[in-house]
Amino acid sequence: MLYLPRSAPRLGAPAASGVIVTFALCVLINGAMVMGLAPVVGVPMPLLSFGGTVMITMMVGFALVLSVRVHRYTEVTSGRGALL
C-alpha cells in the first residue's frame, strides 16, 4: 500500500486500493462471524478457506496489485506501441 501514491497508471491506484479494501472487508466480516458478532453469511476467510470463487478472485486481485507495483514508473508513449 506504500507504493500506491507513486503509481504511474491513473487507474492503478484506485484499482489496487479496491482490492486491498475488499480483502480487508472479507477478513473483518469473517472474523466477526467467527466471534459471533455478525450472522453467518458464507464469506470464507481469504487465503485460508477453500472457497473456490473467492480464492480465484483474490488471486486475480493480488495479481492486479503486483502489476500496479511493477508498472509504477512506466509511462505510456503515444503511437510507439508501448507494452504494458
Protein backbone atom coordinates (compact mmCIF):
# COMPACT_ATOMS: atom_id res chain seq x y z
CA MET A 1 0.00 0.00 0.00
CA LEU A 2 3.00 2.26 0.35
CA TYR A 3 3.63 2.41 -3.40
CA LEU A 4 0.08 3.39 -4.40
CA PRO A 5 0.67 7.17 -4.40
CA ARG A 6 3.64 6.70 -6.76
CA SER A 7 1.84 4.51 -9.28
CA ALA A 8 2.06 5.83 -12.85
CA PRO A 9 -1.19 4.47 -14.31
CA ARG A 10 -4.12 6.63 -13.25
CA LEU A 11 -6.38 3.60 -12.90
CA GLY A 12 -3.79 1.57 -11.00
CA ALA A 13 -4.01 3.23 -7.59
CA PRO A 14 -7.83 3.11 -7.25
CA ALA A 15 -7.97 -0.46 -8.55
CA ALA A 16 -5.27 -1.66 -6.15
CA SER A 17 -6.93 0.22 -3.29
CA GLY A 18 -10.21 -1.50 -4.11
CA VAL A 19 -8.56 -4.93 -3.97
CA ILE A 20 -6.96 -4.11 -0.61
CA VAL A 21 -10.27 -2.85 0.81
CA THR A 22 -12.10 -5.95 -0.47
CA PHE A 23 -9.52 -8.21 1.15
CA ALA A 24 -9.74 -6.31 4.45
CA LEU A 25 -13.56 -6.42 4.45
CA CYS A 26 -13.58 -10.18 3.83
CA VAL A 27 -11.20 -10.70 6.74
CA LEU A 28 -13.21 -8.42 9.05
CA ILE A 29 -16.57 -9.95 8.13
CA ASN A 30 -15.23 -13.47 8.59
CA GLY A 31 -13.67 -12.55 11.93
CA ALA A 32 -16.94 -11.03 13.11
CA MET A 33 -18.80 -14.19 12.09
CA VAL A 34 -16.36 -16.43 13.94
CA MET A 35 -16.64 -14.33 17.12
CA GLY A 36 -20.42 -14.32 16.89
CA LEU A 37 -20.73 -10.57 16.31
CA ALA A 38 -22.33 -10.98 12.88
CA PRO A 39 -24.67 -13.57 11.37
CA VAL A 40 -23.05 -16.34 9.36
CA VAL A 41 -23.38 -15.36 5.70
CA GLY A 42 -20.87 -17.63 3.99
CA VAL A 43 -17.92 -15.31 3.36
CA PRO A 44 -14.81 -17.51 3.52
CA MET A 45 -11.52 -16.31 5.02
CA PRO A 46 -9.28 -15.21 2.13
CA LEU A 47 -6.11 -17.29 1.64
CA LEU A 48 -7.14 -19.77 4.37
CA SER A 49 -10.54 -21.22 3.42
CA PHE A 50 -11.21 -23.21 0.29
CA GLY A 51 -13.91 -21.05 -1.26
CA GLY A 52 -13.32 -21.51 -4.98
CA THR A 53 -14.67 -18.22 -6.30
CA VAL A 54 -13.19 -16.12 -3.51
CA MET A 55 -9.79 -17.79 -3.90
CA ILE A 56 -9.70 -17.10 -7.65
CA THR A 57 -10.95 -13.54 -7.15
CA MET A 58 -8.29 -12.80 -4.53
CA MET A 59 -5.55 -14.27 -6.72
CA VAL A 60 -6.62 -12.09 -9.66
CA GLY A 61 -6.82 -9.09 -7.33
CA PHE A 62 -3.34 -9.67 -5.93
CA ALA A 63 -2.03 -10.07 -9.48
CA LEU A 64 -3.54 -6.66 -10.25
CA VAL A 65 -1.82 -5.12 -7.22
CA LEU A 66 1.51 -6.66 -8.22
CA SER A 67 1.03 -5.40 -11.77
CA VAL A 68 0.50 -1.88 -10.46
CA ARG A 69 3.72 -2.18 -8.49
CA VAL A 70 5.70 -3.47 -11.47
CA HIS A 71 4.41 -0.74 -13.79
CA ARG A 72 4.58 2.14 -11.30
CA TYR A 73 7.28 4.01 -13.23
CA THR A 74 6.18 3.02 -16.73
CA GLU A 75 4.94 5.78 -18.97
CA VAL A 76 2.75 5.18 -21.97
CA THR A 77 4.21 6.66 -25.14
CA SER A 78 1.57 7.59 -27.68
CA GLY A 79 1.97 5.87 -31.02
CA ARG A 80 5.11 3.98 -30.04
CA GLY A 81 3.48 0.62 -29.36
CA ALA A 82 4.48 0.51 -25.71
CA LEU A 83 3.65 -2.71 -23.94
CA LEU A 84 2.05 -2.51 -20.52
